[in-house]
């Protein structure tokens, strides 16, 4: 119960309000800007070859693709199109990298560790390695003397978060963003695995076991302000496997030390409090029963993944209803996200009136949502889970709720992700709070890619006035809470910024 109280206190404390935003530094301390690339000193670096051949994007969601063999080349492709560099951008003497997995402020708190059997080109022994995206290479942290007690066609991937990277800019609210980014990273891995014909599933493993597996609990290897927190453990296999306990190997003390990301740091004590409270056995949620329709033929998966961008401005133009429904439908590919629904501001969708809508992604929640929202809403059924709540121009409301960001009104539509908040905490405990953000991030990554495949642009919005949005919907308790906002439309491209390939 104590951990639930901690979650509720943190959630309320880090809400943005019209009179004050969640605590942060309030300015950009450029002298302490974190290095976006973690490296481990003294490790062997295994370069990975670039593979540019991927199947058409639409095939990832239809008929089963043949499984690629588990080898160095397939691991390289997996990581390149999941967590690798998508491009380099430069402007006025500054140069920065974009990655395939979206991240709040492009600060990239997520790190990736791979537990693999003996693979030619890596080692004759099973290995624990860390992915270095800047070099597109594996850093070998440890080689095991005995075979791993997992399936021969399987690798395990652990994701962790470096809170400092996000805290540098966002202060106390950054824990939320790190969890969203972990969800983005998970979905990016799942999509990249699908391009190889591989299965990707989240395992129900305790946070402490994940941290021990990756050496994250060996605190001497890290600056105390730059520790990593374990997020989730994924199983990637060439074939389906029953969910079962994984016998994780023992990892001895490691010699490698993490590089220092910043010369000095600012303290945000609440981050350790909320992180400690939300550790535990990762929950396995009930999957969605609805299934998405297979989209029509598209460009290669690799091309779409590398073209994904976060829009900075949008032009206010319309999209078609078919595009709109394709985007909503795409979220159903994230089957582990049954706790989420959308509350939408529809601005410019051809064939639909402007207004406030909801998209019910899990039909069993329809009556619950109706009871939780304003009793005067119309609930006009537009089919496939889409309901018009109230007709009207909500562009001003969308901008105001999104911390006055114009992009929320200039997209064709924007929305908040409503989560079954109270029920998740009651069912799974405090770690259910973390899981809800992971679900939101996974959907966000999926929508980024679907928008790109349609020639549109998207951007995640982490800055929004939490309770003002809830009040607009007539919600006055914690049964549902909005944890992530998003907007999709047509981007205005800044031609002053130059683009280079990631590698």
Protein backbone atom coordinates (compact mmCIF):
# COMPACT_ATOMS: atom_id res chain seq x y z
CA UNK A 1 0.00 0.00 0.00
CA UNK A 2 2.91 2.33 0.75
CA UNK A 3 4.16 2.03 -2.84
CA UNK A 4 0.70 2.84 -4.23
CA UNK A 5 0.66 5.97 -2.06
CA UNK A 6 4.07 6.92 -3.45
CA UNK A 7 2.77 6.52 -7.01
CA UNK A 8 -0.30 8.66 -6.33
CA UNK A 9 1.79 11.36 -4.67
CA UNK A 10 4.30 11.39 -7.53
CA UNK A 11 1.58 11.40 -10.18
CA UNK A 12 -0.16 14.38 -8.61
CA UNK A 13 3.09 16.20 -7.83
CA UNK A 14 4.31 16.00 -11.44
CA UNK A 15 1.10 17.16 -13.10
CA UNK A 16 1.38 20.37 -15.10
CA UNK A 17 -1.14 22.98 -13.99
CA UNK A 18 -2.05 26.43 -15.40
CA UNK A 19 -0.57 28.13 -12.33
CA UNK A 20 2.61 26.05 -12.23
CA UNK A 21 4.38 23.31 -14.16
CA UNK A 22 6.06 20.30 -12.58
CA UNK A 23 9.39 21.19 -10.97
CA UNK A 24 12.37 21.47 -13.31
CA UNK A 25 15.50 23.56 -13.56
CA UNK A 26 13.65 26.16 -15.62
CA UNK A 27 16.50 26.72 -18.05
CA UNK A 28 18.88 24.71 -20.23
CA UNK A 29 22.21 24.17 -18.48
CA UNK A 30 24.22 23.53 -21.64
CA UNK A 31 27.45 22.98 -19.67
CA UNK A 32 26.01 19.77 -18.21
CA UNK A 33 24.15 18.48 -21.30
CA UNK A 34 24.44 14.67 -21.11
CA UNK A 35 26.32 12.63 -23.67
CA UNK A 36 23.60 10.72 -25.60
CA UNK A 37 25.88 7.69 -26.05
CA UNK A 38 26.82 5.32 -23.24
CA UNK A 39 30.04 3.34 -23.64
CA UNK A 40 31.83 0.90 -21.37
CA UNK A 41 35.55 1.41 -20.98
CA UNK A 42 37.80 -1.58 -21.59
CA UNK A 43 35.29 -3.69 -23.52
CA UNK A 44 35.80 -5.52 -26.82
CA UNK A 45 33.85 -3.81 -29.59
CA UNK A 46 32.25 -6.01 -32.28
CA UNK A 47 31.30 -3.91 -35.35
CA UNK A 48 27.96 -4.82 -36.94
CA UNK A 49 27.44 -4.81 -40.69
CA UNK A 50 24.70 -2.68 -42.21
CA UNK A 51 21.90 -4.48 -44.04
CA UNK A 52 19.57 -2.33 -46.13
CA UNK A 53 17.24 -5.06 -47.41
CA UNK A 54 13.98 -5.33 -45.48
CA UNK A 55 10.52 -6.60 -46.45
CA UNK A 56 7.64 -4.25 -47.39
CA UNK A 57 6.29 -2.58 -44.28
CA UNK A 58 2.74 -3.86 -44.73
CA UNK A 59 3.89 -7.49 -44.68
CA UNK A 60 4.84 -7.09 -41.02
CA UNK A 61 1.15 -7.10 -40.09
CA UNK A 62 -0.33 -9.72 -42.40
CA UNK A 63 0.84 -13.15 -43.39
CA UNK A 64 3.71 -14.66 -41.48
CA UNK A 65 7.15 -13.85 -42.84
CA UNK A 66 9.76 -16.62 -42.97
CA UNK A 67 12.12 -16.43 -40.00
CA UNK A 68 15.63 -15.17 -40.62
CA UNK A 69 18.34 -17.30 -39.00
CA UNK A 70 19.76 -16.26 -35.66
CA UNK A 71 23.19 -14.95 -36.69
CA UNK A 72 25.35 -11.84 -36.49
CA UNK A 73 23.77 -10.33 -39.62
CA UNK A 74 20.21 -10.68 -38.32
CA UNK A 75 21.14 -9.27 -34.90
CA UNK A 76 22.73 -6.35 -36.72
CA UNK A 77 19.56 -5.70 -38.73
CA UNK A 78 17.41 -6.00 -35.62
CA UNK A 79 19.37 -3.38 -33.70
CA UNK A 80 19.93 -1.06 -36.65
CA UNK A 81 16.19 -0.66 -37.37
CA UNK A 82 15.13 -0.73 -33.72
CA UNK A 83 17.57 1.46 -31.80
CA UNK A 84 20.16 2.56 -34.35
CA UNK A 85 20.79 6.00 -35.86
CA UNK A 86 18.21 7.07 -38.43
CA UNK A 87 20.01 10.27 -39.48
CA UNK A 88 22.29 13.10 -38.44
CA UNK A 89 20.95 16.66 -38.39
CA UNK A 90 22.97 19.88 -38.37
CA UNK A 91 22.27 23.60 -38.16
CA UNK A 92 24.40 26.63 -37.32
CA UNK A 93 27.39 24.57 -36.22
CA UNK A 94 25.39 22.12 -34.09
CA UNK A 95 25.08 18.45 -35.06
CA UNK A 96 22.89 15.82 -33.47
CA UNK A 97 21.74 12.27 -34.12
CA UNK A 98 18.20 10.99 -34.58
CA UNK A 99 17.41 7.39 -33.72
CA UNK A 100 14.84 4.92 -34.96
CA UNK A 101 13.17 4.85 -31.53
CA UNK A 102 11.45 8.12 -30.66
CA UNK A 103 12.48 9.87 -27.45
CA UNK A 104 11.25 12.85 -25.43
CA UNK A 105 13.38 15.82 -26.42
CA UNK A 106 15.60 13.38 -28.34
CA UNK A 107 17.44 12.78 -25.06
CA UNK A 108 17.47 8.97 -25.42
CA UNK A 109 17.48 7.60 -21.85
CA UNK A 110 16.97 3.97 -23.00
CA UNK A 111 19.89 1.53 -23.08
CA UNK A 112 19.92 -1.98 -24.53
CA UNK A 113 21.65 -5.19 -23.37
CA UNK A 114 21.70 -8.46 -25.31
CA UNK A 115 22.05 -11.97 -23.91
CA UNK A 116 22.90 -14.24 -26.84
CA UNK A 117 24.09 -17.81 -27.38
CA UNK A 118 27.39 -18.47 -29.11
CA UNK A 119 27.18 -16.76 -32.53
CA UNK A 120 29.79 -16.77 -35.27
CA UNK A 121 31.35 -13.34 -35.54
CA UNK A 122 30.63 -12.49 -31.90
CA UNK A 123 32.00 -15.30 -29.72
CA UNK A 124 32.27 -19.06 -29.38
CA UNK A 125 30.61 -18.61 -25.98
CA UNK A 126 27.31 -17.09 -24.90
CA UNK A 127 27.68 -13.36 -24.31
CA UNK A 128 26.22 -10.41 -22.48
CA UNK A 129 26.73 -7.28 -24.54
CA UNK A 130 25.68 -3.64 -24.67
CA UNK A 131 24.52 -2.01 -27.90
CA UNK A 132 26.53 1.07 -28.90
CA UNK A 133 24.30 2.84 -31.49
CA UNK A 134 26.81 5.54 -32.43
CA UNK A 135 29.23 2.89 -33.71
CA UNK A 136 26.50 0.33 -34.52
CA UNK A 137 28.47 -2.23 -32.56
CA UNK A 138 28.26 -4.58 -29.60
CA UNK A 139 30.36 -4.06 -26.49
CA UNK A 140 31.11 -7.45 -24.95
CA UNK A 141 30.58 -7.16 -21.21
CA UNK A 142 30.92 -10.85 -20.33
CA UNK A 143 31.44 -14.26 -21.93
CA UNK A 144 29.84 -17.24 -20.18
CA UNK A 145 31.69 -20.54 -19.81
CA UNK A 146 28.58 -22.72 -20.12
CA UNK A 147 25.59 -22.69 -22.49
CA UNK A 148 22.59 -20.55 -21.56
CA UNK A 149 19.49 -22.29 -20.26
CA UNK A 150 17.22 -20.73 -22.87
CA UNK A 151 16.00 -21.94 -26.26
CA UNK A 152 18.64 -22.20 -29.00
CA UNK A 153 16.62 -19.97 -31.33
CA UNK A 154 16.32 -17.20 -28.75
CA UNK A 155 18.05 -14.06 -27.57
CA UNK A 156 17.07 -11.90 -24.62
CA UNK A 157 17.10 -8.10 -24.72
CA UNK A 158 16.97 -5.98 -21.58
CA UNK A 159 16.01 -2.31 -21.63
CA UNK A 160 17.02 0.18 -18.97
CA UNK A 161 16.73 3.94 -18.41
CA UNK A 162 19.28 6.58 -17.45
CA UNK A 163 17.05 9.11 -15.68
CA UNK A 164 19.71 11.80 -15.70
CA UNK A 165 19.47 12.23 -19.47
CA UNK A 166 15.83 13.33 -19.16
CA UNK A 167 16.12 15.00 -15.74
CA UNK A 168 18.69 17.40 -17.21
CA UNK A 169 15.86 19.10 -19.12
CA UNK A 170 12.58 17.98 -17.57
CA UNK A 171 13.28 17.68 -13.83
CA UNK A 172 10.80 15.74 -11.72
CA UNK A 173 8.39 14.86 -14.55
CA UNK A 174 11.22 13.11 -16.40
CA UNK A 175 10.46 9.70 -14.87
CA UNK A 176 7.23 9.72 -16.87
CA UNK A 177 9.13 10.45 -20.08
CA UNK A 178 11.71 7.75 -19.45
CA UNK A 179 8.92 5.18 -19.18
CA UNK A 180 7.29 6.45 -22.39
CA UNK A 181 10.66 6.15 -24.11
CA UNK A 182 11.05 2.57 -22.85
CA UNK A 183 7.70 1.80 -24.46
CA UNK A 184 8.86 3.41 -27.71
CA UNK A 185 12.05 1.32 -27.60
CA UNK A 186 10.11 -1.89 -26.94
CA UNK A 187 7.79 -1.31 -29.89
CA UNK A 188 10.73 -0.36 -32.13
CA UNK A 189 12.35 -3.70 -31.26
CA UNK A 190 9.07 -5.55 -31.86
CA UNK A 191 8.67 -3.97 -35.32
CA UNK A 192 12.28 -4.69 -36.26
CA UNK A 193 11.89 -8.28 -35.05
CA UNK A 194 8.73 -8.66 -37.16
CA UNK A 195 10.77 -7.67 -40.24
CA UNK A 196 12.96 -10.71 -39.48
CA UNK A 197 9.95 -12.97 -38.94
CA UNK A 198 10.79 -13.22 -35.22
CA UNK A 199 8.50 -13.30 -32.22
CA UNK A 200 9.03 -10.62 -29.55
CA UNK A 201 7.41 -10.91 -26.13
CA UNK A 202 7.80 -9.18 -22.78
CA UNK A 203 8.73 -11.55 -19.95
CA UNK A 204 7.35 -11.39 -16.43
CA UNK A 205 10.68 -10.96 -14.63
CA UNK A 206 11.49 -9.04 -11.46
CA UNK A 207 13.26 -5.72 -11.92
CA UNK A 208 16.07 -6.79 -9.62
CA UNK A 209 16.80 -9.86 -11.74
CA UNK A 210 17.03 -7.71 -14.87
CA UNK A 211 19.37 -5.30 -13.14
CA UNK A 212 21.55 -8.14 -11.89
CA UNK A 213 21.66 -9.76 -15.34
CA UNK A 214 23.02 -6.56 -16.91
CA UNK A 215 25.36 -5.62 -14.06
CA UNK A 216 23.30 -2.50 -13.30
CA UNK A 217 23.39 -3.33 -9.58
CA UNK A 218 27.21 -3.15 -9.60
CA UNK A 219 27.10 0.50 -8.57
CA UNK A 220 30.88 1.03 -8.57
CA UNK A 221 30.74 0.88 -12.38
CA UNK A 222 28.57 4.03 -12.64
CA UNK A 223 28.60 7.62 -11.53
CA UNK A 224 25.97 7.78 -8.74
CA UNK A 225 24.00 10.44 -10.66
CA UNK A 226 23.98 8.33 -13.85
CA UNK A 227 22.70 4.98 -12.67
CA UNK A 228 20.50 2.86 -14.91
CA UNK A 229 17.12 1.52 -13.86
CA UNK A 230 15.91 -1.80 -15.33
CA UNK A 231 12.70 -1.53 -17.37
CA UNK A 232 11.83 -4.83 -19.07
CA UNK A 233 13.21 -8.08 -20.44
CA UNK A 234 12.23 -9.22 -23.94
CA UNK A 235 12.45 -12.65 -25.52
CA UNK A 236 13.11 -12.67 -29.28
CA UNK A 237 12.68 -16.05 -30.93
CA UNK A 238 12.49 -17.55 -34.39
CA UNK A 239 9.32 -19.38 -33.32
CA UNK A 240 6.58 -19.07 -30.74
CA UNK A 241 7.25 -20.33 -27.23
CA UNK A 242 4.96 -20.83 -24.29
CA UNK A 243 5.31 -18.24 -21.57
CA UNK A 244 7.48 -19.85 -18.93
CA UNK A 245 10.06 -18.98 -16.33
CA UNK A 246 13.49 -18.04 -17.68
CA UNK A 247 16.56 -19.38 -15.92
CA UNK A 248 18.80 -16.31 -16.08
CA UNK A 249 22.55 -16.92 -15.76
CA UNK A 250 24.65 -15.58 -12.92
CA UNK A 251 26.74 -12.58 -13.92
CA UNK A 252 29.99 -12.08 -11.98
CA UNK A 253 31.48 -8.69 -11.12
CA UNK A 254 32.25 -6.88 -14.37
CA UNK A 255 35.46 -4.95 -15.00
CA UNK A 256 34.03 -2.43 -17.46
CA UNK A 257 33.06 1.02 -16.22
CA UNK A 258 30.42 3.25 -17.77
CA UNK A 259 31.57 6.50 -19.31
CA UNK A 260 30.74 9.78 -17.55
CA UNK A 261 27.88 11.54 -19.34
CA UNK A 262 28.08 14.96 -17.67
CA UNK A 263 30.74 16.80 -15.66
CA UNK A 264 28.23 17.77 -12.94
CA UNK A 265 24.59 17.09 -12.11
CA UNK A 266 21.44 18.47 -10.50
CA UNK A 267 19.66 16.35 -7.88
CA UNK A 268 16.00 15.36 -8.10
CA UNK A 269 15.48 13.10 -5.04
CA UNK A 270 11.88 12.24 -5.97
CA UNK A 271 13.16 10.19 -8.94
CA UNK A 272 14.79 7.59 -6.70
CA UNK A 273 11.62 7.45 -4.59
CA UNK A 274 9.27 6.76 -7.51
CA UNK A 275 11.72 4.38 -9.18
CA UNK A 276 12.16 2.31 -6.01
CA UNK A 277 8.39 2.16 -5.53
CA UNK A 278 7.73 0.88 -9.05
CA UNK A 279 10.23 -1.98 -9.09
CA UNK A 280 8.95 -5.55 -9.00
CA UNK A 281 7.59 -8.39 -11.10
CA UNK A 282 6.71 -7.05 -14.55
CA UNK A 283 2.97 -7.52 -15.21
CA UNK A 284 1.63 -9.42 -18.20
CA UNK A 285 -1.55 -7.60 -19.23
CA UNK A 286 -4.50 -9.10 -21.05
CA UNK A 287 -4.03 -8.67 -24.83
CA UNK A 288 -6.49 -6.82 -27.03
CA UNK A 289 -9.14 -9.01 -28.57
CA UNK A 290 -9.67 -6.66 -31.54
CA UNK A 291 -7.35 -7.15 -34.49
CA UNK A 292 -6.21 -4.60 -37.06
CA UNK A 293 -6.75 -4.90 -40.77
CA UNK A 294 -3.69 -5.48 -42.91
CA UNK A 295 -2.76 -2.19 -44.62
CA UNK A 296 -2.22 -1.99 -48.39
CA UNK A 297 1.26 -2.39 -49.93
CA UNK A 298 3.84 0.16 -48.88
CA UNK A 299 7.53 0.96 -49.07
CA UNK A 300 10.15 -1.20 -47.39
CA UNK A 301 10.08 -1.40 -43.60
CA UNK A 302 13.62 -0.07 -43.38
CA UNK A 303 12.83 3.01 -45.46
CA UNK A 304 9.80 3.90 -43.37
CA UNK A 305 11.64 3.33 -40.08
CA UNK A 306 14.57 5.54 -41.12
CA UNK A 307 12.25 8.34 -42.33
CA UNK A 308 10.32 8.58 -39.05
CA UNK A 309 10.62 12.06 -37.54
CA UNK A 310 9.04 14.07 -34.75
CA UNK A 311 7.35 17.05 -36.39
CA UNK A 312 8.16 20.46 -34.94
CA UNK A 313 5.42 22.40 -36.77
CA UNK A 314 2.34 21.42 -38.78
CA UNK A 315 0.47 23.29 -41.51
CA UNK A 316 -3.14 22.77 -40.40
CA UNK A 317 -4.17 20.93 -43.57
CA UNK A 318 -6.61 18.03 -43.68
CA UNK A 319 -6.19 14.28 -44.03
CA UNK A 320 -8.68 11.77 -45.39
CA UNK A 321 -11.00 9.71 -43.25
CA UNK A 322 -9.31 6.59 -44.65
CA UNK A 323 -5.93 7.84 -43.40
CA UNK A 324 -7.45 8.73 -40.03
CA UNK A 325 -8.97 5.28 -39.57
CA UNK A 326 -5.78 3.60 -40.75
CA UNK A 327 -3.94 5.42 -37.98
CA UNK A 328 -6.44 4.47 -35.28
CA UNK A 329 -6.48 0.90 -36.54
CA UNK A 330 -2.67 0.73 -36.46
CA UNK A 331 -2.70 1.08 -32.68
CA UNK A 332 -4.37 -2.32 -32.44
CA UNK A 333 -1.16 -3.98 -33.61
CA UNK A 334 0.13 -3.23 -30.10
CA UNK A 335 -1.83 -6.11 -28.59
CA UNK A 336 -0.34 -5.67 -25.11
CA UNK A 337 -2.04 -2.26 -24.76
CA UNK A 338 -5.58 -3.19 -23.76
CA UNK A 339 -5.66 -0.59 -20.95
CA UNK A 340 -5.66 2.43 -23.29
CA UNK A 341 -8.25 4.45 -25.19
CA UNK A 342 -8.03 7.74 -27.09
CA UNK A 343 -9.83 11.01 -26.41
CA UNK A 344 -9.47 12.93 -29.68
CA UNK A 345 -9.68 16.51 -30.91
CA UNK A 346 -10.58 16.11 -34.58
CA UNK A 347 -9.68 19.31 -36.44
CA UNK A 348 -9.36 18.56 -40.16
CA UNK A 349 -10.42 15.05 -41.19
CA UNK A 350 -12.39 14.92 -44.44
CA UNK A 351 -15.79 13.33 -43.96
CA UNK A 352 -15.88 13.81 -40.18
CA UNK A 353 -17.27 16.84 -38.33
CA UNK A 354 -14.88 18.75 -36.13
CA UNK A 355 -15.28 17.84 -32.53
CA UNK A 356 -14.36 15.88 -29.45
CA UNK A 357 -14.31 12.12 -30.01
CA UNK A 358 -13.28 8.96 -28.24
CA UNK A 359 -11.80 5.83 -29.78
CA UNK A 360 -12.63 2.79 -27.66
CA UNK A 361 -9.83 0.30 -28.31
CA UNK A 362 -11.18 -2.33 -25.93
CA UNK A 363 -14.96 -2.66 -26.36
CA UNK A 364 -15.41 -4.12 -22.89
CA UNK A 365 -14.65 -0.66 -21.48
CA UNK A 366 -17.37 1.21 -23.38
CA UNK A 367 -19.86 1.46 -20.52
CA UNK A 368 -17.10 2.22 -18.04
CA UNK A 369 -15.93 5.15 -20.18
CA UNK A 370 -19.47 6.47 -20.56
CA UNK A 371 -19.93 6.42 -16.79
CA UNK A 372 -16.58 8.13 -16.21
CA UNK A 373 -17.19 11.00 -18.66
CA UNK A 374 -19.55 13.96 -18.90
CA UNK A 375 -23.11 12.62 -18.84
CA UNK A 376 -24.21 15.14 -21.50
CA UNK A 377 -21.89 13.72 -24.19
CA UNK A 378 -23.68 12.50 -27.32
CA UNK A 379 -21.75 9.25 -27.99
CA UNK A 380 -22.73 9.23 -31.67
CA UNK A 381 -21.42 5.98 -33.15
CA UNK A 382 -19.16 6.39 -36.18
CA UNK A 383 -18.23 2.73 -36.33
CA UNK A 384 -15.12 0.68 -35.49
CA UNK A 385 -14.92 2.04 -31.95
CA UNK A 386 -15.11 5.75 -32.88
CA UNK A 387 -17.68 7.94 -31.09
CA UNK A 388 -18.42 11.64 -31.43
CA UNK A 389 -18.85 13.11 -27.95
CA UNK A 390 -19.51 16.72 -28.87
CA UNK A 391 -19.28 18.57 -32.18
CA UNK A 392 -17.35 21.85 -32.38
CA UNK A 393 -14.01 23.55 -32.97
CA UNK A 394 -11.59 22.33 -30.30
CA UNK A 395 -8.39 23.75 -31.73
CA UNK A 396 -8.07 26.34 -28.97
CA UNK A 397 -8.69 23.74 -26.27
CA UNK A 398 -6.15 21.37 -27.83
CA UNK A 399 -3.48 24.08 -27.84
CA UNK A 400 -4.24 25.23 -24.31
CA UNK A 401 -4.17 21.71 -22.87
CA UNK A 402 -0.88 20.95 -24.67
CA UNK A 403 0.95 23.66 -22.72
CA UNK A 404 -0.04 26.20 -25.40
CA UNK A 405 1.87 24.34 -28.12
CA UNK A 406 0.44 25.31 -31.52
CA UNK A 407 1.29 21.93 -33.02
CA UNK A 408 -1.63 20.41 -31.09
CA UNK A 409 -4.12 22.61 -32.99
CA UNK A 410 -2.30 22.60 -36.34
CA UNK A 411 -2.31 18.83 -36.77
CA UNK A 412 -5.26 17.17 -38.47
CA UNK A 413 -6.09 15.75 -35.05
CA UNK A 414 -4.56 15.39 -31.61
CA UNK A 415 -5.45 13.16 -28.70
CA UNK A 416 -4.70 11.99 -25.21
CA UNK A 417 -4.23 8.36 -24.23
CA UNK A 418 -6.71 7.52 -21.48
CA UNK A 419 -5.47 4.70 -19.26
CA UNK A 420 -7.31 2.43 -16.82
CA UNK A 421 -5.35 4.01 -14.00
CA UNK A 422 -7.07 2.94 -10.81
CA UNK A 423 -7.71 -0.62 -11.96
CA UNK A 424 -4.09 -1.10 -13.10
CA UNK A 425 -2.75 -0.03 -9.70
CA UNK A 426 -5.26 -2.25 -7.93
CA UNK A 427 -4.45 -5.27 -10.13
CA UNK A 428 -0.67 -5.02 -10.54
CA UNK A 429 0.47 -2.74 -7.75
CA UNK A 430 2.83 0.20 -8.18
CA UNK A 431 4.63 -1.35 -11.17
CA UNK A 432 1.31 -1.12 -13.01
CA UNK A 433 1.94 2.64 -13.20
CA UNK A 434 5.17 2.02 -15.09
CA UNK A 435 3.47 -0.51 -17.36
CA UNK A 436 0.81 2.01 -18.41
CA UNK A 437 3.50 4.38 -19.67
CA UNK A 438 5.14 1.52 -21.55
CA UNK A 439 1.81 0.80 -23.23
CA UNK A 440 1.49 4.48 -24.20
CA UNK A 441 5.01 4.61 -25.61
CA UNK A 442 4.48 1.44 -27.63
CA UNK A 443 1.39 2.92 -29.27
CA UNK A 444 3.25 6.15 -29.92
CA UNK A 445 6.05 4.37 -31.79
CA UNK A 446 3.48 2.44 -33.84
CA UNK A 447 1.63 5.61 -34.81
CA UNK A 448 4.85 7.38 -35.78
CA UNK A 449 5.58 4.61 -38.27
CA UNK A 450 2.03 4.37 -39.60
CA UNK A 451 1.93 8.13 -40.14
CA UNK A 452 5.25 7.94 -42.00
CA UNK A 453 3.93 5.13 -44.20
CA UNK A 454 1.00 7.40 -45.14
CA UNK A 455 3.23 10.37 -45.99
CA UNK A 456 2.16 12.18 -42.80
CA UNK A 457 4.00 13.27 -39.67
CA UNK A 458 3.45 12.87 -35.96
CA UNK A 459 4.85 14.02 -32.68
CA UNK A 460 4.41 12.91 -29.09
CA UNK A 461 3.41 15.58 -26.58
CA UNK A 462 4.57 15.01 -23.02
CA UNK A 463 3.76 18.54 -21.84
CA UNK A 464 0.04 18.84 -21.19
CA UNK A 465 -2.24 20.09 -18.43
CA UNK A 466 -3.35 16.82 -16.91
CA UNK A 467 -6.40 17.77 -14.92
CA UNK A 468 -7.66 20.40 -17.36
CA UNK A 469 -7.90 17.63 -19.96
CA UNK A 470 -9.68 15.35 -17.50
CA UNK A 471 -12.10 18.17 -16.58
CA UNK A 472 -12.90 18.78 -20.24
CA UNK A 473 -13.96 15.14 -20.46
CA UNK A 474 -15.97 15.38 -17.26
CA UNK A 475 -13.61 13.08 -15.35
CA UNK A 476 -13.16 13.85 -11.66
CA UNK A 477 -11.54 10.75 -10.17
CA UNK A 478 -8.59 8.43 -10.85
CA UNK A 479 -10.46 5.71 -12.69
CA UNK A 480 -8.93 6.97 -15.96
CA UNK A 481 -5.94 9.24 -16.40
CA UNK A 482 -4.33 10.61 -19.55
CA UNK A 483 -0.59 9.79 -19.61
CA UNK A 484 0.56 10.71 -23.14
CA UNK A 485 -0.64 13.10 -25.84
CA UNK A 486 -0.03 12.96 -29.56
CA UNK A 487 -0.74 14.90 -32.74
CA UNK A 488 -0.69 13.83 -36.40
CA UNK A 489 -0.87 15.87 -39.60
CA UNK A 490 1.35 17.39 -42.25
CA UNK A 491 4.68 18.77 -41.06
CA UNK A 492 6.32 22.02 -42.05
CA UNK A 493 9.93 21.10 -42.80
CA UNK A 494 12.66 23.50 -41.66
CA UNK A 495 14.86 23.73 -44.76
CA UNK A 496 17.67 25.38 -42.80
CA UNK A 497 18.47 22.03 -41.14
CA UNK A 498 20.62 19.66 -43.18
CA UNK A 499 20.29 15.87 -43.04
CA UNK A 500 22.91 13.14 -43.40
CA UNK A 501 22.55 9.37 -43.25
CA UNK A 502 22.88 7.73 -39.86
CA UNK A 503 25.84 5.55 -40.91
